[in-house]
Amino acid sequence: MSTSSIGNTSSTASSGTPVTSPVVSVAGDSSADSAGGSVIDVSELVSELVTAQYASQVSNIENQTNAVTSEISALGTFQGALSTFQSALSSLDSPSSFNALTAQSSNSSAFTASADSTAVGGTYSVGVTQLAQAQQLVSKTAFSGGSSATVGTGTLAISLGGQSFNVAIADTDDTLAGIAASINSASGNPGVTATVLQGNDGAYLVLSSQLTGASNTIAVSSSGGNGGLSQLDYSSTASGNYTQETAAQDAVVNVAGVTYDSASNTISDAITGVTLNLLATTGSSGNATLTVSNDTATVASNIENFVSAYNTLMQQLSSLGSYDSTSSTAGPMQGNPLLSEIQNDIQNAVFGVVDTGSSTYNSLASIGITAQSDGTLSVDDTTLQNALSSNFNAVSQLFSSTGGIASQLNTQLTADLASTGPVTSYSNTLVQQSDALNQQSTQITNEETALTASMTQQYAALNTLLSSLQTTSAYLSEAFADLPQVDTGNSNSSG
């Protein structure tokens, strides 16, 4: 049997380029074809035609979408880098950032000191005459029964300084140990602890104050019960039941010839903005020297952190805007005017000259911070320390004044990152582009779906027609084969 075929079919894409379908062959000797089966793979044919018609549009939208997505991601990195750098400015961008002071003692065994921003620089002679201490009482009577010895029942009224509390002692806790436990767990106890000590001759009750100071003395009085608690009574005028192991006393310190008493060994109001932590008396060693001065170590550390943050930022911006000629690979924001403008503004602020009131220290270079060949900064610690020691105020002005480097940068970045700033504006533009591309993609998908349905219907009808023709052809072929054969040869007659 011969083979029939359908010639090439074509459609025109939106670009105007004819799209040719595959040739569809019909095999006449196929049993499926003879039975009137499917001639064309309609689904595959339609899919290829539709894909071919929209291929260029789909590819173009995908490329644009990938580019916009890459830009959005890069802008997020850019914005994050700027925000992180701005955070590093907070320790330098205002005059209060340079108010940090340090307090140093020449005799750290006698006292240490710290200073806050309200302190004033200066030196002071400090002598520690006496340390504050808490009172401790030990019962004179040894309880021969030890901690389980029965003492008595009733109520103990205990006071510490101006605060008092009551302890009810029942016959279930009338032992020395029970009374100590009741005192320690009593509600409203301002700081009296009770301990039982075991000696060779019996047990002793120890009452200790947790509060130092001459006014924080302990007093105990008993009432009610069986009267046994009276052997625990104590007052300054009736001290017979206890031995005072440690007396309550105030700390006494002499600052620049002025004597100051304190109930605590931590004194925060003798010198404005300075806290003294008393550890021992100065005694025969004489007064120590307290020096309150600018905390240059902290400021130097803050400046070095600024330099580190700047270097990190420049490396990130360089990566975003770079171009690798070897691999012909561009950074995601290469050539972007927003990146270039902000980067230039930052560098102009960093390398500018500031009116600090000093002709010596008015730029980063003058305090030991210089640029390297790769655009990053390096710090000469010796030069920086000399600047801080020589003219601390000028260094402060260099960073924190209205025209100071950190102050300028903070103002600039606040504007750049604001909701109405250029970074947000560019972000909104990219989001709009992304949304528009998504809409185009959706539209094309809808058009493909509609065209697929239309072409499927057309080719299905053609498929039916071809199948019918195939069946008819097979029938006719068989019919002709069954017709009688006609002898067309010449025959000789015998006469």
Protein backbone atom coordinates (compact mmCIF):
# COMPACT_ATOMS: atom_id res chain seq x y z
CA MET A 1 0.00 0.00 0.00
CA SER A 2 1.14 3.51 -0.67
CA THR A 3 1.72 6.13 2.06
CA SER A 4 -0.24 9.40 1.99
CA SER A 5 0.82 12.56 3.86
CA ILE A 6 -0.43 15.94 5.00
CA GLY A 7 1.81 18.77 3.92
CA ASN A 8 3.45 21.24 6.32
CA THR A 9 1.01 23.47 8.22
CA SER A 10 2.08 26.86 9.50
CA SER A 11 0.92 29.70 11.73
CA THR A 12 2.37 33.15 12.25
CA ALA A 13 3.84 34.15 15.68
CA SER A 14 3.33 37.60 17.11
CA SER A 15 6.74 38.51 15.79
CA GLY A 16 5.52 37.79 12.24
CA THR A 17 7.74 34.76 11.72
CA PRO A 18 5.91 31.74 10.22
CA VAL A 19 5.90 28.75 12.53
CA THR A 20 5.89 25.46 10.62
CA SER A 21 4.25 22.38 12.11
CA PRO A 22 5.74 18.94 11.70
CA VAL A 23 4.68 16.91 8.67
CA VAL A 24 1.97 14.45 9.67
CA SER A 25 2.17 11.12 7.84
CA VAL A 26 -0.67 8.64 7.37
CA ALA A 27 0.42 5.04 6.98
CA GLY A 28 -2.16 3.36 4.81
CA ASP A 29 -0.97 -0.14 5.65
CA SER A 30 -1.54 0.33 9.41
CA SER A 31 -4.27 -1.78 10.95
CA ALA A 32 -5.20 1.13 13.24
CA ASP A 33 -5.53 3.42 10.24
CA SER A 34 -7.55 0.81 8.39
CA ALA A 35 -9.96 0.74 11.27
CA GLY A 36 -10.37 4.50 11.17
CA GLY A 37 -7.98 5.30 14.10
CA SER A 38 -6.33 8.65 14.99
CA VAL A 39 -4.08 10.03 12.30
CA ILE A 40 -2.60 13.12 14.09
CA ASP A 41 -1.17 13.41 17.65
CA VAL A 42 -3.28 16.50 18.26
CA SER A 43 -2.03 17.21 21.80
CA GLU A 44 1.66 17.17 20.87
CA LEU A 45 1.13 19.11 17.66
CA VAL A 46 -0.90 21.87 19.35
CA SER A 47 1.57 22.11 22.23
CA GLU A 48 4.48 22.61 19.84
CA LEU A 49 2.63 25.21 17.79
CA VAL A 50 1.50 27.23 20.83
CA THR A 51 4.93 27.04 22.45
CA ALA A 52 6.59 28.20 19.25
CA GLN A 53 4.20 31.11 18.83
CA TYR A 54 4.83 32.52 22.35
CA ALA A 55 8.43 31.37 22.91
CA SER A 56 10.06 34.73 22.29
CA GLN A 57 7.61 36.62 24.50
CA VAL A 58 7.91 34.12 27.34
CA SER A 59 11.71 34.15 27.13
CA ASN A 60 11.79 37.94 27.12
CA ILE A 61 9.55 38.21 30.21
CA GLU A 62 11.55 35.55 32.05
CA ASN A 63 14.80 37.41 31.35
CA GLN A 64 13.33 40.71 32.51
CA THR A 65 11.84 39.09 35.63
CA ASN A 66 15.16 37.50 36.55
CA ALA A 67 16.92 40.83 36.10
CA VAL A 68 14.40 42.71 38.26
CA THR A 69 14.49 39.99 40.93
CA SER A 70 18.27 40.22 41.02
CA GLU A 71 18.06 44.01 41.39
CA ILE A 72 15.53 43.74 44.23
CA SER A 73 17.80 41.29 46.05
CA ALA A 74 20.84 43.50 45.50
CA LEU A 75 18.95 46.56 46.72
CA GLY A 76 18.04 44.67 49.90
CA THR A 77 21.72 43.91 50.46
CA PHE A 78 22.57 47.55 49.76
CA GLN A 79 19.94 48.84 52.16
CA GLY A 80 21.03 46.42 54.89
CA ALA A 81 24.66 47.44 54.51
CA LEU A 82 23.76 51.12 54.88
CA SER A 83 21.63 50.45 57.97
CA THR A 84 24.36 48.42 59.63
CA PHE A 85 26.90 51.15 58.98
CA GLN A 86 24.55 53.79 60.36
CA SER A 87 24.19 51.80 63.57
CA ALA A 88 27.95 51.97 64.04
CA LEU A 89 27.75 55.78 64.04
CA SER A 90 25.71 55.96 67.25
CA SER A 91 28.79 55.90 69.48
CA LEU A 92 30.34 58.91 67.70
CA ASP A 93 27.61 61.07 66.16
CA SER A 94 26.72 63.28 69.15
CA PRO A 95 28.74 65.21 71.75
CA SER A 96 27.29 63.02 74.50
CA SER A 97 29.04 60.08 72.87
CA PHE A 98 32.32 61.62 74.01
CA ASN A 99 31.20 62.27 77.58
CA ALA A 100 32.58 58.96 78.76
CA LEU A 101 34.98 59.45 81.65
CA THR A 102 37.18 57.09 83.56
CA ALA A 103 38.14 57.21 87.24
CA GLN A 104 41.46 55.69 88.32
CA SER A 105 42.71 55.06 91.85
CA SER A 106 46.41 55.14 92.65
CA ASN A 107 45.74 52.55 95.37
CA SER A 108 43.30 49.98 93.99
CA SER A 109 43.72 47.87 97.14
CA ALA A 110 42.06 50.62 99.18
CA PHE A 111 39.37 51.65 96.67
CA THR A 112 38.38 51.52 93.04
CA ALA A 113 36.24 54.07 91.23
CA SER A 114 34.05 54.60 88.18
CA ALA A 115 32.64 57.73 86.56
CA ASP A 116 29.54 58.51 84.52
CA SER A 117 28.86 61.31 82.04
CA THR A 118 28.01 63.81 84.80
CA ALA A 119 31.48 63.64 86.32
CA VAL A 120 34.03 66.40 85.86
CA GLY A 121 37.64 65.74 85.12
CA GLY A 122 40.11 66.36 87.92
CA THR A 123 42.34 64.80 90.57
CA TYR A 124 41.41 64.27 94.22
CA SER A 125 43.21 63.13 97.36
CA VAL A 126 41.22 60.30 98.96
CA GLY A 127 41.78 58.70 102.35
CA VAL A 128 39.73 55.78 103.67
CA THR A 129 39.62 56.01 107.47
CA GLN A 130 37.03 53.34 108.20
CA LEU A 131 35.00 50.74 106.30
CA ALA A 132 31.28 50.27 106.78
CA GLN A 133 30.39 46.98 108.45
CA ALA A 134 27.32 45.08 109.60
CA GLN A 135 26.52 44.10 113.20
CA GLN A 136 26.85 40.50 114.33
CA LEU A 137 25.68 39.12 117.71
CA VAL A 138 26.54 35.76 119.32
CA SER A 139 24.48 34.44 122.24
CA LYS A 140 26.48 34.27 125.48
CA THR A 141 24.66 31.21 126.73
CA ALA A 142 25.62 27.84 125.31
CA PHE A 143 22.60 25.61 124.82
CA SER A 144 23.78 22.24 126.03
CA GLY A 145 21.17 20.38 124.04
CA GLY A 146 22.68 21.62 120.79
CA SER A 147 20.53 22.85 117.95
CA SER A 148 17.64 20.69 119.17
CA ALA A 149 17.63 22.29 122.62
CA THR A 150 14.23 23.65 123.59
CA VAL A 151 14.25 27.43 124.13
CA GLY A 152 10.61 28.51 124.50
CA THR A 153 7.44 29.72 122.82
CA GLY A 154 5.90 33.13 122.24
CA THR A 155 6.65 36.02 119.87
CA LEU A 156 9.99 37.58 119.00
CA ALA A 157 9.90 41.23 117.88
CA ILE A 158 13.07 41.85 115.88
CA SER A 159 14.18 45.15 114.39
CA LEU A 160 17.02 46.19 112.12
CA GLY A 161 17.58 49.90 111.97
CA GLY A 162 14.15 51.42 111.46
CA GLN A 163 12.46 48.24 110.19
CA SER A 164 10.92 45.52 112.35
CA PHE A 165 9.09 42.20 112.02
CA ASN A 166 7.54 39.59 114.31
CA VAL A 167 8.30 35.89 114.54
CA ALA A 168 5.74 33.59 116.19
CA ILE A 169 7.33 30.57 117.87
CA ALA A 170 5.03 27.62 118.60
CA ASP A 171 5.89 24.42 120.44
CA THR A 172 6.57 22.78 117.05
CA ASP A 173 9.55 25.06 116.35
CA ASP A 174 10.67 26.10 119.84
CA THR A 175 14.15 24.57 119.48
CA LEU A 176 17.24 26.63 118.71
CA ALA A 177 17.27 25.33 115.14
CA GLY A 178 13.53 25.88 114.77
CA ILE A 179 13.79 29.48 115.98
CA ALA A 180 16.68 30.20 113.58
CA ALA A 181 14.71 28.78 110.68
CA SER A 182 11.63 30.80 111.64
CA ILE A 183 13.63 34.05 111.74
CA ASN A 184 15.18 33.40 108.32
CA SER A 185 11.84 32.66 106.67
CA ALA A 186 9.80 35.35 108.43
CA SER A 187 7.77 37.72 106.26
CA GLY A 188 9.06 41.29 106.27
CA ASN A 189 12.56 40.38 107.45
CA PRO A 190 14.71 43.33 106.22
CA GLY A 191 18.02 41.47 106.48
CA VAL A 192 18.57 39.60 109.75
CA THR A 193 19.95 36.08 109.38
CA ALA A 194 20.08 33.52 112.19
CA THR A 195 22.64 30.72 112.34
CA VAL A 196 23.31 27.99 114.90
CA LEU A 197 26.97 27.39 115.74
CA GLN A 198 28.06 24.26 117.56
CA GLY A 199 30.78 24.74 120.17
CA ASN A 200 32.49 22.38 122.63
CA ASP A 201 30.11 23.42 125.38
CA GLY A 202 26.90 23.52 123.33
CA ALA A 203 25.13 25.46 120.59
CA TYR A 204 25.08 29.23 120.09
CA LEU A 205 22.62 31.45 118.20
CA VAL A 206 24.26 33.98 115.86
CA LEU A 207 22.29 36.96 114.57
CA SER A 208 23.86 38.82 111.63
CA SER A 209 22.75 41.95 109.82
CA GLN A 210 22.95 42.01 106.04
CA LEU A 211 22.90 45.81 106.08
CA THR A 212 26.04 47.79 106.87
CA GLY A 213 26.00 51.14 108.64
CA ALA A 214 25.95 52.44 112.19
CA SER A 215 22.19 52.88 112.20
CA ASN A 216 21.47 49.29 111.19
CA THR A 217 21.63 47.69 114.66
CA ILE A 218 19.69 44.61 115.74
CA ALA A 219 17.19 44.57 118.64
CA VAL A 220 15.21 41.55 119.93
CA SER A 221 12.37 41.49 122.43
CA SER A 222 10.10 38.59 123.42
CA SER A 223 6.53 38.41 124.63
CA GLY A 224 3.87 35.80 125.47
CA GLY A 225 4.38 32.08 125.46
CA ASN A 226 6.17 30.28 128.26
CA GLY A 227 8.77 33.02 128.75
CA GLY A 228 11.68 30.94 127.49
CA LEU A 229 12.35 33.30 124.60
CA SER A 230 13.47 36.05 126.98
CA GLN A 231 16.98 34.59 126.94
CA LEU A 232 17.19 35.80 123.32
CA ASP A 233 16.33 39.46 124.06
CA TYR A 234 18.84 42.14 123.07
CA SER A 235 19.05 45.93 122.90
CA SER A 236 21.75 48.53 123.17
CA THR A 237 20.79 49.07 126.81
CA ALA A 238 20.18 45.40 127.62
CA SER A 239 22.95 43.52 125.91
CA GLY A 240 23.56 40.82 128.49
CA ASN A 241 22.33 37.87 126.40
CA TYR A 242 24.74 38.44 123.49
CA THR A 243 28.32 39.28 122.71
CA GLN A 244 28.72 41.83 119.94
CA GLU A 245 31.17 40.14 117.60
CA THR A 246 31.08 42.96 115.05
CA ALA A 247 29.75 46.46 115.64
CA ALA A 248 27.58 48.27 113.12
CA GLN A 249 29.53 51.19 111.73
CA ASP A 250 29.67 53.64 108.82
CA ALA A 251 32.43 54.04 106.30
CA VAL A 252 34.48 57.21 106.75
CA VAL A 253 36.25 58.69 103.75
CA ASN A 254 38.14 61.93 103.32
CA VAL A 255 38.02 63.51 99.86
CA ALA A 256 40.15 66.59 99.28
CA GLY A 257 40.09 67.29 103.00
CA VAL A 258 36.31 66.86 103.33
CA THR A 259 35.11 64.01 105.57
CA TYR A 260 32.13 61.97 104.43
CA ASP A 261 30.32 59.17 106.31
CA SER A 262 28.42 56.43 104.49
CA ALA A 263 26.40 53.44 105.64
CA SER A 264 27.73 51.58 102.59
CA ASN A 265 31.19 50.90 101.23
CA THR A 266 29.85 51.91 97.82
CA ILE A 267 29.71 55.70 97.82
CA SER A 268 28.10 57.45 94.84
CA ASP A 269 27.33 60.91 96.21
CA ALA A 270 30.60 62.15 97.68
CA ILE A 271 31.91 63.29 94.26
CA THR A 272 29.45 64.21 91.49
CA GLY A 273 29.31 61.48 88.86
CA VAL A 274 31.90 59.29 90.62
CA THR A 275 31.29 56.05 92.50
CA LEU A 276 33.86 54.92 95.07
CA ASN A 277 34.09 51.25 96.02
CA LEU A 278 35.90 51.05 99.37
CA LEU A 279 37.97 47.92 99.95
CA ALA A 280 40.35 48.75 102.81
CA THR A 281 41.59 51.69 104.84
CA THR A 282 44.49 53.64 103.47
CA GLY A 283 46.09 53.64 106.93
CA SER A 284 49.76 54.43 107.20
CA SER A 285 50.21 54.35 103.43
CA GLY A 286 48.59 57.77 103.27
CA ASN A 287 45.95 59.12 100.98
CA ALA A 288 45.54 57.79 97.47
CA THR A 289 44.99 59.86 94.33
CA LEU A 290 41.75 59.65 92.36
CA THR A 291 42.04 60.80 88.73
CA VAL A 292 38.93 61.52 86.71
CA SER A 293 39.62 62.03 83.01
CA ASN A 294 38.28 61.46 79.52
CA ASP A 295 37.87 57.79 78.73
CA THR A 296 40.20 57.78 75.74
CA ALA A 297 40.32 53.98 75.62
CA THR A 298 36.57 53.71 75.04
CA VAL A 299 36.56 56.53 72.49
CA ALA A 300 39.50 54.98 70.63
CA SER A 301 37.65 51.67 70.55
CA ASN A 302 34.53 53.38 69.18
CA ILE A 303 36.60 55.07 66.47
CA GLU A 304 38.22 51.77 65.49
CA ASN A 305 34.77 50.17 65.32
CA PHE A 306 33.69 52.99 63.00
CA VAL A 307 36.67 52.32 60.73
CA SER A 308 35.88 48.61 60.68
CA ALA A 309 32.23 49.30 59.83
CA TYR A 310 33.25 51.68 57.05
CA ASN A 311 35.62 49.11 55.54
CA THR A 312 32.90 46.46 55.61
CA LEU A 313 30.48 48.85 53.90
CA MET A 314 32.94 49.78 51.17
CA GLN A 315 33.69 46.12 50.46
CA GLN A 316 29.96 45.38 50.16
CA LEU A 317 29.31 48.36 47.88
CA SER A 318 32.33 47.49 45.76
CA SER A 319 31.03 43.96 45.30
CA LEU A 320 27.57 45.20 44.30
CA GLY A 321 28.97 47.61 41.72
CA SER A 322 31.97 45.63 40.51
CA TYR A 323 32.85 44.21 37.10
CA ASP A 324 35.13 41.21 36.67
CA SER A 325 36.77 41.55 33.26
CA THR A 326 38.26 38.07 33.50
CA SER A 327 34.90 36.34 33.76
CA SER A 328 32.93 39.20 32.15
CA THR A 329 30.67 39.17 35.21
CA ALA A 330 29.07 42.36 36.50
CA GLY A 331 27.86 42.98 40.03
CA PRO A 332 24.08 43.22 40.42
CA MET A 333 24.23 47.03 40.81
CA GLN A 334 27.11 47.71 38.42
CA GLY A 335 26.60 51.15 36.88
CA ASN A 336 23.61 51.89 39.12
CA PRO A 337 23.49 55.68 39.73
CA LEU A 338 21.88 55.27 43.18
CA LEU A 339 24.80 53.19 44.47
CA SER A 340 27.36 55.56 42.92
CA GLU A 341 25.73 58.68 44.35
CA ILE A 342 25.39 57.38 47.91
CA GLN A 343 28.88 55.87 47.87
CA ASN A 344 30.35 59.18 46.72
CA ASP A 345 28.43 61.12 49.39
CA ILE A 346 29.77 58.81 52.12
CA GLN A 347 33.34 59.09 50.87
CA ASN A 348 33.10 62.88 50.61
CA ALA A 349 31.97 63.08 54.24
CA VAL A 350 34.66 60.69 55.44
CA PHE A 351 37.52 62.43 53.68
CA GLY A 352 36.36 66.00 54.28
CA VAL A 353 37.91 68.64 56.51
CA VAL A 354 35.90 69.63 59.61
CA ASP A 355 36.01 72.87 61.55
CA THR A 356 37.06 71.52 64.94
CA GLY A 357 38.62 74.70 66.26
CA SER A 358 42.01 73.10 65.73
CA SER A 359 44.19 73.41 62.65
CA THR A 360 46.06 70.28 63.73
CA TYR A 361 43.20 67.85 64.22
CA ASN A 362 40.54 68.51 61.60
CA SER A 363 40.43 65.38 59.42
CA LEU A 364 40.66 61.62 59.76
CA ALA A 365 44.17 61.65 58.36
CA SER A 366 45.25 64.12 61.07
CA ILE A 367 44.30 61.62 63.81
CA GLY A 368 45.94 58.64 62.11
CA ILE A 369 43.15 57.26 59.90
CA THR A 370 44.23 57.02 56.26
CA ALA A 371 42.93 55.46 53.04
CA GLN A 372 44.43 52.34 51.51
CA SER A 373 44.73 51.50 47.82
CA ASP A 374 41.60 49.35 47.93
CA GLY A 375 39.49 52.18 49.36
CA THR A 376 39.42 50.92 52.93
CA LEU A 377 40.80 52.77 55.97
CA SER A 378 43.58 51.91 58.38
CA VAL A 379 44.28 53.27 61.88
CA ASP A 380 47.61 54.31 63.32
CA ASP A 381 46.93 53.66 67.01
CA THR A 382 49.84 55.80 68.21
CA THR A 383 48.73 58.85 66.24
CA LEU A 384 45.13 58.36 67.38
CA GLN A 385 46.11 58.11 71.05
CA ASN A 386 48.30 61.22 70.74
CA ALA A 387 45.38 63.14 69.25
CA LEU A 388 43.02 62.03 72.02
CA SER A 389 45.55 62.93 74.70
CA SER A 390 46.56 66.24 73.15
CA ASN A 391 43.18 67.65 72.11
CA PHE A 392 40.30 65.39 73.09
CA ASN A 393 37.75 68.12 72.32
CA ALA A 394 38.99 68.51 68.74
CA VAL A 395 38.61 64.77 68.14
CA SER A 396 35.11 64.96 69.58
CA GLN A 397 34.26 67.87 67.25
CA LEU A 398 35.72 65.98 64.29
CA PHE A 399 33.07 63.31 64.66
CA SER A 400 30.16 64.74 66.66
CA SER A 401 29.79 68.43 65.83
CA THR A 402 27.07 69.59 63.43
CA GLY A 403 29.54 69.32 60.54
CA GLY A 404 31.34 66.35 62.06
CA ILE A 405 31.97 63.20 60.07
CA ALA A 406 29.73 60.83 62.04
CA SER A 407 27.04 63.48 62.45
CA GLN A 408 27.00 64.25 58.71
CA LEU A 409 26.88 60.57 57.79
CA ASN A 410 24.03 59.87 60.20
CA THR A 411 21.99 62.77 58.79
CA GLN A 412 22.72 61.70 55.23
CA LEU A 413 21.87 58.04 55.75
CA THR A 414 18.68 58.92 57.63
CA ALA A 415 17.54 60.85 54.55
CA ASP A 416 18.69 58.13 52.13
CA LEU A 417 16.84 55.37 54.01
CA ALA A 418 13.70 57.36 54.83
CA SER A 419 10.31 56.28 53.51
CA THR A 420 10.50 59.17 51.03
CA GLY A 421 14.21 58.72 50.33
CA PRO A 422 15.90 57.50 47.14
CA VAL A 423 16.45 53.92 48.33
CA THR A 424 12.78 53.39 49.10
CA SER A 425 11.77 55.16 45.88
CA TYR A 426 13.98 52.87 43.82
CA SER A 427 12.65 49.84 45.68
CA ASN A 428 9.08 50.88 44.87
CA THR A 429 10.00 51.24 41.19
CA LEU A 430 11.46 47.73 41.08
CA VAL A 431 8.39 46.27 42.79
CA GLN A 432 6.15 47.98 40.23
CA GLN A 433 8.25 46.54 37.41
CA SER A 434 8.01 43.09 38.95
CA ASP A 435 4.24 43.36 39.29
CA ALA A 436 3.90 44.49 35.66
CA LEU A 437 5.97 41.54 34.44
CA ASN A 438 3.86 39.14 36.49
CA GLN A 439 0.73 40.59 34.88
CA GLN A 440 2.24 40.15 31.41
CA SER A 441 3.16 36.57 32.24
CA THR A 442 -0.38 35.87 33.42
CA GLN A 443 -1.81 37.44 30.28
CA ILE A 444 0.37 35.28 28.03
CA THR A 445 -0.59 32.17 29.99
CA ASN A 446 -4.25 33.01 29.44
CA GLU A 447 -3.66 33.60 25.71
CA GLU A 448 -1.82 30.26 25.43
CA THR A 449 -4.68 28.48 27.13
CA ALA A 450 -7.24 30.03 24.76
CA LEU A 451 -5.17 29.32 21.66
CA THR A 452 -4.55 25.74 22.79
CA ALA A 453 -8.29 25.16 23.14
CA SER A 454 -9.00 26.68 19.71
CA MET A 455 -6.28 24.79 17.85
CA THR A 456 -7.13 21.54 19.60
CA GLN A 457 -10.69 21.83 18.32
CA GLN A 458 -9.51 22.55 14.76
CA TYR A 459 -6.97 19.75 14.59
CA ALA A 460 -9.32 17.31 16.21
CA ALA A 461 -11.82 17.98 13.41
CA LEU A 462 -9.07 17.53 10.83
CA ASN A 463 -8.05 14.34 12.54
CA THR A 464 -11.60 13.03 12.25
CA LEU A 465 -11.72 13.91 8.54
CA LEU A 466 -8.41 12.23 7.80
CA SER A 467 -9.46 9.17 9.68
CA SER A 468 -12.66 9.00 7.63
CA LEU A 469 -10.77 9.39 4.36
CA GLN A 470 -8.40 6.66 5.40
CA THR A 471 -11.29 4.33 6.07
CA THR A 472 -12.88 5.10 2.68
CA SER A 473 -9.57 4.58 0.90
CA ALA A 474 -9.13 1.21 2.52
CA TYR A 475 -12.66 0.21 1.58
CA LEU A 476 -12.25 1.19 -2.07
CA SER A 477 -8.92 -0.59 -2.28
CA GLU A 478 -10.50 -3.80 -1.07
CA ALA A 479 -13.51 -3.38 -3.37
CA PHE A 480 -11.38 -2.93 -6.45
CA ALA A 481 -9.34 -5.93 -5.49
CA ASP A 482 -12.47 -8.11 -5.46
CA LEU A 483 -13.65 -7.11 -8.99
CA PRO A 484 -13.39 -9.85 -11.77
CA GLN A 485 -10.26 -9.68 -13.82
CA VAL A 486 -10.81 -8.71 -17.50
CA ASP A 487 -8.81 -10.72 -19.98
CA THR A 488 -7.54 -8.23 -22.52
CA GLY A 489 -5.44 -10.77 -24.51
CA ASN A 490 -6.28 -11.85 -28.17
CA SER A 491 -7.67 -15.40 -28.69
CA ASN A 492 -7.31 -17.45 -31.99
CA SER A 493 -10.49 -18.90 -33.44
CA SER A 494 -10.26 -22.37 -35.04
CA GLY A 495 -12.24 -21.73 -37.99
